[in-house]
Amino acid sequence: MRFHFDARNSQRLRKNPRRGIRFEEAQEIFSQPYYLDQRSDLPEQYRAIGWVGERLYAVIFEIREDAEGEHYHLVTL
């Protein structure tokens, strides 16, 4: 499973006291998601809810494709 995200946005999430983690850490949600659903149709976005350490998080992502194949683009946390 490959992930892409905006590195600056990841740093902003880390500094936000309500979130406190970066996208790199949030990838753990995908190892054992608690809940997955489709959030919106245009653009087609999905929501994954799961645990990172002892905290429950939700991540919004899109499934995109490039020359290497399919990857998850993390939008927000």
PDB file of N, CA and C in Angstrom:
ATOM      1  N   MET A   1       0.843  -1.158   0.000  1.00  0.00           N
ATOM      2  CA  MET A   1       0.000   0.000   0.000  1.00  0.00           C
ATOM      3  C   MET A   1       0.905   1.243   0.000  1.00  0.00           C
ATOM      4  N   ARG A   2       0.677   2.115  -0.980  1.00  0.00           N
ATOM      5  CA  ARG A   2       1.474   3.344  -1.060  1.00  0.00           C
ATOM      6  C   ARG A   2       0.634   4.539  -0.630  1.00  0.00           C
ATOM      7  N   PHE A   3       1.297   5.531  -0.025  1.00  0.00           N
ATOM      8  CA  PHE A   3       0.635   6.736   0.445  1.00  0.00           C
ATOM      9  C   PHE A   3       1.346   7.959  -0.108  1.00  0.00           C
ATOM     10  N   HIS A   4       0.571   8.992  -0.430  1.00  0.00           N
ATOM     11  CA  HIS A   4       1.097  10.297  -0.802  1.00  0.00           C
ATOM     12  C   HIS A   4       0.340  11.335   0.007  1.00  0.00           C
ATOM     13  N   PHE A   5       1.004  12.445   0.305  1.00  0.00           N
ATOM     14  CA  PHE A   5       0.369  13.538   1.034  1.00  0.00           C
ATOM     15  C   PHE A   5       1.247  14.769   0.919  1.00  0.00           C
ATOM     16  N   ASP A   6       0.688  15.914   1.255  1.00  0.00           N
ATOM     17  CA  ASP A   6       1.413  17.180   1.261  1.00  0.00           C
ATOM     18  C   ASP A   6       2.224  17.247   2.553  1.00  0.00           C
ATOM     19  N   ALA A   7       3.541  17.327   2.445  1.00  0.00           N
ATOM     20  CA  ALA A   7       4.412  17.326   3.625  1.00  0.00           C
ATOM     21  C   ALA A   7       4.162  18.547   4.512  1.00  0.00           C
ATOM     22  N   ARG A   8       3.870  19.696   3.917  1.00  0.00           N
ATOM     23  CA  ARG A   8       3.597  20.904   4.727  1.00  0.00           C
ATOM     24  C   ARG A   8       2.303  20.730   5.531  1.00  0.00           C
ATOM     25  N   ASN A   9       1.307  20.135   4.909  1.00  0.00           N
ATOM     26  CA  ASN A   9       0.048  19.883   5.609  1.00  0.00           C
ATOM     27  C   ASN A   9       0.279  18.899   6.758  1.00  0.00           C
ATOM     28  N   SER A  10       1.128  17.919   6.538  1.00  0.00           N
ATOM     29  CA  SER A  10       1.450  16.944   7.575  1.00  0.00           C
ATOM     30  C   SER A  10       2.082  17.632   8.788  1.00  0.00           C
ATOM     31  N   GLN A  11       2.979  18.575   8.543  1.00  0.00           N
ATOM     32  CA  GLN A  11       3.616  19.310   9.642  1.00  0.00           C
ATOM     33  C   GLN A  11       2.610  20.181  10.386  1.00  0.00           C
ATOM     34  N   ARG A  12       1.677  20.803   9.654  1.00  0.00           N
ATOM     35  CA  ARG A  12       0.639  21.619  10.293  1.00  0.00           C
ATOM     36  C   ARG A  12      -0.243  20.754  11.205  1.00  0.00           C
ATOM     37  N   LEU A  13      -0.561  19.545  10.760  1.00  0.00           N
ATOM     38  CA  LEU A  13      -1.367  18.645  11.587  1.00  0.00           C
ATOM     39  C   LEU A  13      -0.644  18.311  12.891  1.00  0.00           C
ATOM     40  N   ARG A  14       0.662  18.089  12.794  1.00  0.00           N
ATOM     41  CA  ARG A  14       1.467  17.740  13.972  1.00  0.00           C
ATOM     42  C   ARG A  14       1.435  18.863  15.002  1.00  0.00           C
ATOM     43  N   LYS A  15       1.449  20.106  14.533  1.00  0.00           N
ATOM     44  CA  LYS A  15       1.480  21.266  15.431  1.00  0.00           C
ATOM     45  C   LYS A  15       0.102  21.588  16.010  1.00  0.00           C
ATOM     46  N   ASN A  16      -0.952  21.055  15.428  1.00  0.00           N
ATOM     47  CA  ASN A  16      -2.310  21.318  15.889  1.00  0.00           C
ATOM     48  C   ASN A  16      -2.568  20.492  17.150  1.00  0.00           C
ATOM     49  N   PRO A  17      -2.866  21.142  18.276  1.00  0.00           N
ATOM     50  CA  PRO A  17      -3.054  20.390  19.530  1.00  0.00           C
ATOM     51  C   PRO A  17      -4.223  19.402  19.501  1.00  0.00           C
ATOM     52  N   ARG A  18      -5.212  19.617  18.642  1.00  0.00           N
ATOM     53  CA  ARG A  18      -6.341  18.695  18.568  1.00  0.00           C
ATOM     54  C   ARG A  18      -5.970  17.417  17.825  1.00  0.00           C
ATOM     55  N   ARG A  19      -4.964  17.476  16.977  1.00  0.00           N
ATOM     56  CA  ARG A  19      -4.574  16.299  16.202  1.00  0.00           C
ATOM     57  C   ARG A  19      -3.283  15.707  16.747  1.00  0.00           C
ATOM     58  N   GLY A  20      -2.208  16.462  16.676  1.00  0.00           N
ATOM     59  CA  GLY A  20      -0.967  16.055  17.311  1.00  0.00           C
ATOM     60  C   GLY A  20      -0.186  14.931  16.637  1.00  0.00           C
ATOM     61  N   ILE A  21      -0.592  14.515  15.429  1.00  0.00           N
ATOM     62  CA  ILE A  21       0.183  13.516  14.696  1.00  0.00           C
ATOM     63  C   ILE A  21       0.312  13.951  13.249  1.00  0.00           C
ATOM     64  N   ARG A  22       1.261  13.371  12.551  1.00  0.00           N
ATOM     65  CA  ARG A  22       1.469  13.646  11.127  1.00  0.00           C
ATOM     66  C   ARG A  22       0.843  12.525  10.314  1.00  0.00           C
ATOM     67  N   PHE A  23       0.759  12.768   8.995  1.00  0.00           N
ATOM     68  CA  PHE A  23       0.231  11.742   8.099  1.00  0.00           C
ATOM     69  C   PHE A  23       1.075  10.467   8.162  1.00  0.00           C
ATOM     70  N   GLU A  24       2.384  10.603   8.367  1.00  0.00           N
ATOM     71  CA  GLU A  24       3.240   9.422   8.450  1.00  0.00           C
ATOM     72  C   GLU A  24       2.771   8.482   9.555  1.00  0.00           C
ATOM     73  N   GLU A  25       2.399   9.043  10.678  1.00  0.00           N
ATOM     74  CA  GLU A  25       1.914   8.239  11.803  1.00  0.00           C
ATOM     75  C   GLU A  25       0.487   7.741  11.564  1.00  0.00           C
ATOM     76  N   ALA A  26      -0.315   8.544  10.885  1.00  0.00           N
ATOM     77  CA  ALA A  26      -1.724   8.203  10.648  1.00  0.00           C
ATOM     78  C   ALA A  26      -1.879   7.017   9.703  1.00  0.00           C
ATOM     79  N   GLN A  27      -0.847   6.668   8.967  1.00  0.00           N
ATOM     80  CA  GLN A  27      -0.920   5.518   8.064  1.00  0.00           C
ATOM     81  C   GLN A  27      -1.214   4.230   8.819  1.00  0.00           C
ATOM     82  N   GLU A  28      -0.948   4.226  10.109  1.00  0.00           N
ATOM     83  CA  GLU A  28      -1.229   3.058  10.956  1.00  0.00           C
ATOM     84  C   GLU A  28      -2.721   2.703  10.941  1.00  0.00           C
ATOM     85  N   ILE A  29      -3.578   3.692  10.709  1.00  0.00           N
ATOM     86  CA  ILE A  29      -5.024   3.458  10.656  1.00  0.00           C
ATOM     87  C   ILE A  29      -5.359   2.382   9.632  1.00  0.00           C
ATOM     88  N   PHE A  30      -4.630   2.352   8.522  1.00  0.00           N
ATOM     89  CA  PHE A  30      -4.937   1.433   7.440  1.00  0.00           C
ATOM     90  C   PHE A  30      -4.518  -0.005   7.733  1.00  0.00           C
ATOM     91  N   SER A  31      -3.715  -0.232   8.761  1.00  0.00           N
ATOM     92  CA  SER A  31      -3.314  -1.601   9.086  1.00  0.00           C
ATOM     93  C   SER A  31      -4.493  -2.384   9.672  1.00  0.00           C
ATOM     94  N   GLN A  32      -5.349  -1.713  10.449  1.00  0.00           N
ATOM     95  CA  GLN A  32      -6.543  -2.350  11.010  1.00  0.00           C
ATOM     96  C   GLN A  32      -7.635  -1.293  11.171  1.00  0.00           C
ATOM     97  N   PRO A  33      -8.228  -0.851  10.060  1.00  0.00           N
ATOM     98  CA  PRO A  33      -9.245   0.193  10.185  1.00  0.00           C
ATOM     99  C   PRO A  33     -10.466  -0.300  10.956  1.00  0.00           C
ATOM    100  N   TYR A  34     -10.990   0.579  11.764  1.00  0.00           N
ATOM    101  CA  TYR A  34     -12.192   0.285  12.533  1.00  0.00           C
ATOM    102  C   TYR A  34     -13.428   0.465  11.660  1.00  0.00           C
ATOM    103  N   TYR A  35     -13.351   1.436  10.722  1.00  0.00           N
ATOM    104  CA  TYR A  35     -14.497   1.775   9.901  1.00  0.00           C
ATOM    105  C   TYR A  35     -14.013   2.421   8.607  1.00  0.00           C
ATOM    106  N   LEU A  36     -14.597   2.037   7.473  1.00  0.00           N
ATOM    107  CA  LEU A  36     -14.295   2.634   6.173  1.00  0.00           C
ATOM    108  C   LEU A  36     -15.604   2.960   5.474  1.00  0.00           C
ATOM    109  N   ASP A  37     -15.681   4.136   4.849  1.00  0.00           N
ATOM    110  CA  ASP A  37     -16.852   4.468   4.054  1.00  0.00           C
ATOM    111  C   ASP A  37     -16.495   5.511   3.000  1.00  0.00           C
ATOM    112  N   GLN A  38     -17.432   5.760   2.093  1.00  0.00           N
ATOM    113  CA  GLN A  38     -17.240   6.790   1.081  1.00  0.00           C
ATOM    114  C   GLN A  38     -17.827   8.077   1.624  1.00  0.00           C
ATOM    115  N   ARG A  39     -17.022   9.113   1.651  1.00  0.00           N
ATOM    116  CA  ARG A  39     -17.426  10.388   2.238  1.00  0.00           C
ATOM    117  C   ARG A  39     -18.151  11.264   1.236  1.00  0.00           C
ATOM    118  N   SER A  40     -17.661  11.346  -0.006  1.00  0.00           N
ATOM    119  CA  SER A  40     -18.290  12.202  -1.012  1.00  0.00           C
ATOM    120  C   SER A  40     -18.050  11.627  -2.403  1.00  0.00           C
ATOM    121  N   ASP A  41     -18.877  12.068  -3.348  1.00  0.00           N
ATOM    122  CA  ASP A  41     -18.767  11.585  -4.720  1.00  0.00           C
ATOM    123  C   ASP A  41     -17.850  12.438  -5.586  1.00  0.00           C
ATOM    124  N   LEU A  42     -17.892  13.741  -5.435  1.00  0.00           N
ATOM    125  CA  LEU A  42     -17.099  14.654  -6.275  1.00  0.00           C
ATOM    126  C   LEU A  42     -16.336  15.627  -5.407  1.00  0.00           C
ATOM    127  N   PRO A  43     -15.043  15.527  -5.272  1.00  0.00           N
ATOM    128  CA  PRO A  43     -14.235  14.406  -5.744  1.00  0.00           C
ATOM    129  C   PRO A  43     -14.521  13.159  -4.907  1.00  0.00           C
ATOM    130  N   GLU A  44     -14.236  12.024  -5.474  1.00  0.00           N
ATOM    131  CA  GLU A  44     -14.478  10.759  -4.784  1.00  0.00           C
ATOM    132  C   GLU A  44     -13.501  10.628  -3.617  1.00  0.00           C
ATOM    133  N   GLN A  45     -14.014  10.773  -2.411  1.00  0.00           N
ATOM    134  CA  GLN A  45     -13.189  10.705  -1.213  1.00  0.00           C
ATOM    135  C   GLN A  45     -13.753   9.672  -0.252  1.00  0.00           C
ATOM    136  N   TYR A  46     -12.855   9.114   0.538  1.00  0.00           N
ATOM    137  CA  TYR A  46     -13.213   8.074   1.494  1.00  0.00           C
ATOM    138  C   TYR A  46     -12.753   8.482   2.884  1.00  0.00           C
ATOM    139  N   ARG A  47     -13.351   7.847   3.890  1.00  0.00           N
ATOM    140  CA  ARG A  47     -12.985   8.093   5.284  1.00  0.00           C
ATOM    141  C   ARG A  47     -12.586   6.767   5.908  1.00  0.00           C
ATOM    142  N   ALA A  48     -11.477   6.785   6.606  1.00  0.00           N
ATOM    143  CA  ALA A  48     -11.047   5.619   7.381  1.00  0.00           C
ATOM    144  C   ALA A  48     -10.927   6.063   8.833  1.00  0.00           C
ATOM    145  N   ILE A  49     -11.495   5.288   9.724  1.00  0.00           N
ATOM    146  CA  ILE A  49     -11.424   5.588  11.149  1.00  0.00           C
ATOM    147  C   ILE A  49     -10.693   4.438  11.822  1.00  0.00           C
ATOM    148  N   GLY A  50      -9.733   4.781  12.648  1.00  0.00           N
ATOM    149  CA  GLY A  50      -8.977   3.736  13.317  1.00  0.00           C
ATOM    150  C   GLY A  50      -8.086   4.293  14.406  1.00  0.00           C
ATOM    151  N   TRP A  51      -7.397   3.389  15.050  1.00  0.00           N
ATOM    152  CA  TRP A  51      -6.560   3.733  16.200  1.00  0.00           C
ATOM    153  C   TRP A  51      -5.123   3.980  15.778  1.00  0.00           C
ATOM    154  N   VAL A  52      -4.539   5.010  16.375  1.00  0.00           N
ATOM    155  CA  VAL A  52      -3.105   5.265  16.305  1.00  0.00           C
ATOM    156  C   VAL A  52      -2.677   5.386  17.758  1.00  0.00           C
ATOM    157  N   GLY A  53      -1.956   4.389  18.219  1.00  0.00           N
ATOM    158  CA  GLY A  53      -1.655   4.334  19.647  1.00  0.00           C
ATOM    159  C   GLY A  53      -2.948   4.130  20.412  1.00  0.00           C
ATOM    160  N   GLU A  54      -3.233   5.016  21.341  1.00  0.00           N
ATOM    161  CA  GLU A  54      -4.444   4.902  22.155  1.00  0.00           C
ATOM    162  C   GLU A  54      -5.499   5.937  21.784  1.00  0.00           C
ATOM    163  N   ARG A  55      -5.333   6.605  20.634  1.00  0.00           N
ATOM    164  CA  ARG A  55      -6.300   7.621  20.209  1.00  0.00           C
ATOM    165  C   ARG A  55      -6.978   7.196  18.914  1.00  0.00           C
ATOM    166  N   LEU A  56      -8.251   7.530  18.806  1.00  0.00           N
ATOM    167  CA  LEU A  56      -9.044   7.223  17.625  1.00  0.00           C
ATOM    168  C   LEU A  56      -8.998   8.420  16.675  1.00  0.00           C
ATOM    169  N   TYR A  57      -8.672   8.163  15.401  1.00  0.00           N
ATOM    170  CA  TYR A  57      -8.571   9.219  14.400  1.00  0.00           C
ATOM    171  C   TYR A  57      -9.395   8.858  13.175  1.00  0.00           C
ATOM    172  N   ALA A  58      -9.745   9.894  12.403  1.00  0.00           N
ATOM    173  CA  ALA A  58     -10.381   9.712  11.098  1.00  0.00           C
ATOM    174  C   ALA A  58      -9.506  10.408  10.064  1.00  0.00           C
ATOM    175  N   VAL A  59      -9.262   9.736   8.962  1.00  0.00           N
ATOM    176  CA  VAL A  59      -8.480  10.320   7.874  1.00  0.00           C
ATOM    177  C   VAL A  59      -9.339  10.309   6.611  1.00  0.00           C
ATOM    178  N   ILE A  60      -9.298  11.415   5.858  1.00  0.00           N
ATOM    179  CA  ILE A  60      -9.993  11.519   4.586  1.00  0.00           C
ATOM    180  C   ILE A  60      -8.947  11.300   3.497  1.00  0.00           C
ATOM    181  N   PHE A  61      -9.270  10.424   2.536  1.00  0.00           N
ATOM    182  CA  PHE A  61      -8.292  10.110   1.494  1.00  0.00           C
ATOM    183  C   PHE A  61      -8.978   9.892   0.157  1.00  0.00           C
ATOM    184  N   GLU A  62      -8.172   9.971  -0.896  1.00  0.00           N
ATOM    185  CA  GLU A  62      -8.622   9.686  -2.255  1.00  0.00           C
ATOM    186  C   GLU A  62      -7.765   8.549  -2.795  1.00  0.00           C
ATOM    187  N   ILE A  63      -8.332   7.737  -3.655  1.00  0.00           N
ATOM    188  CA  ILE A  63      -7.560   6.689  -4.319  1.00  0.00           C
ATOM    189  C   ILE A  63      -7.160   7.241  -5.680  1.00  0.00           C
ATOM    190  N   ARG A  64      -5.865   7.357  -5.896  1.00  0.00           N
ATOM    191  CA  ARG A  64      -5.341   7.920  -7.137  1.00  0.00           C
ATOM    192  C   ARG A  64      -4.438   6.902  -7.816  1.00  0.00           C
ATOM    193  N   GLU A  65      -4.105   7.199  -9.062  1.00  0.00           N
ATOM    194  CA  GLU A  65      -3.235   6.307  -9.822  1.00  0.00           C
ATOM    195  C   GLU A  65      -2.161   7.131 -10.516  1.00  0.00           C
ATOM    196  N   ASP A  66      -0.939   6.596 -10.543  1.00  0.00           N
ATOM    197  CA  ASP A  66       0.163   7.213 -11.269  1.00  0.00           C
ATOM    198  C   ASP A  66       0.897   6.128 -12.046  1.00  0.00           C
ATOM    199  N   ALA A  67       2.079   6.430 -12.542  1.00  0.00           N
ATOM    200  CA  ALA A  67       2.839   5.483 -13.355  1.00  0.00           C
ATOM    201  C   ALA A  67       3.179   4.202 -12.587  1.00  0.00           C
ATOM    202  N   GLU A  68       3.296   4.297 -11.268  1.00  0.00           N
ATOM    203  CA  GLU A  68       3.640   3.137 -10.438  1.00  0.00           C
ATOM    204  C   GLU A  68       2.418   2.344  -9.992  1.00  0.00           C
ATOM    205  N   GLY A  69       1.227   2.859 -10.268  1.00  0.00           N
ATOM    206  CA  GLY A  69       0.000   2.174  -9.883  1.00  0.00           C
ATOM    207  C   GLY A  69      -0.824   2.989  -8.906  1.00  0.00           C
ATOM    208  N   GLU A  70      -1.697   2.292  -8.206  1.00  0.00           N
ATOM    209  CA  GLU A  70      -2.636   2.931  -7.298  1.00  0.00           C
ATOM    210  C   GLU A  70      -1.977   3.317  -5.979  1.00  0.00           C
ATOM    211  N   HIS A  71      -2.398   4.465  -5.425  1.00  0.00           N
ATOM    212  CA  HIS A  71      -1.920   4.892  -4.108  1.00  0.00           C
ATOM    213  C   HIS A  71      -3.014   5.668  -3.398  1.00  0.00           C
ATOM    214  N   TYR A  72      -2.878   5.781  -2.094  1.00  0.00           N
ATOM    215  CA  TYR A  72      -3.815   6.550  -1.275  1.00  0.00           C
ATOM    216  C   TYR A  72      -3.236   7.944  -1.077  1.00  0.00           C
ATOM    217  N   HIS A  73      -4.004   8.963  -1.476  1.00  0.00           N
ATOM    218  CA  HIS A  73      -3.609  10.340  -1.251  1.00  0.00           C
ATOM    219  C   HIS A  73      -4.345  10.825  -0.009  1.00  0.00           C
ATOM    220  N   LEU A  74      -3.605  11.085   1.066  1.00  0.00           N
ATOM    221  CA  LEU A  74      -4.198  11.519   2.331  1.00  0.00           C
ATOM    222  C   LEU A  74      -4.503  13.006   2.252  1.00  0.00           C
ATOM    223  N   VAL A  75      -5.764  13.375   2.466  1.00  0.00           N
ATOM    224  CA  VAL A  75      -6.211  14.760   2.305  1.00  0.00           C
ATOM    225  C   VAL A  75      -6.190  15.508   3.631  1.00  0.00           C
ATOM    226  N   THR A  76      -6.841  14.944   4.634  1.00  0.00           N
ATOM    227  CA  THR A  76      -6.871  15.587   5.953  1.00  0.00           C
ATOM    228  C   THR A  76      -7.080  14.535   7.026  1.00  0.00           C
ATOM    229  N   LEU A  77      -6.872  14.964   8.247  1.00  0.00           N
ATOM    230  CA  LEU A  77      -6.927  14.059   9.391  1.00  0.00           C
ATOM    231  C   LEU A  77      -7.805  14.651  10.457  1.00  0.00           C
TER     232      LEU A  77
END
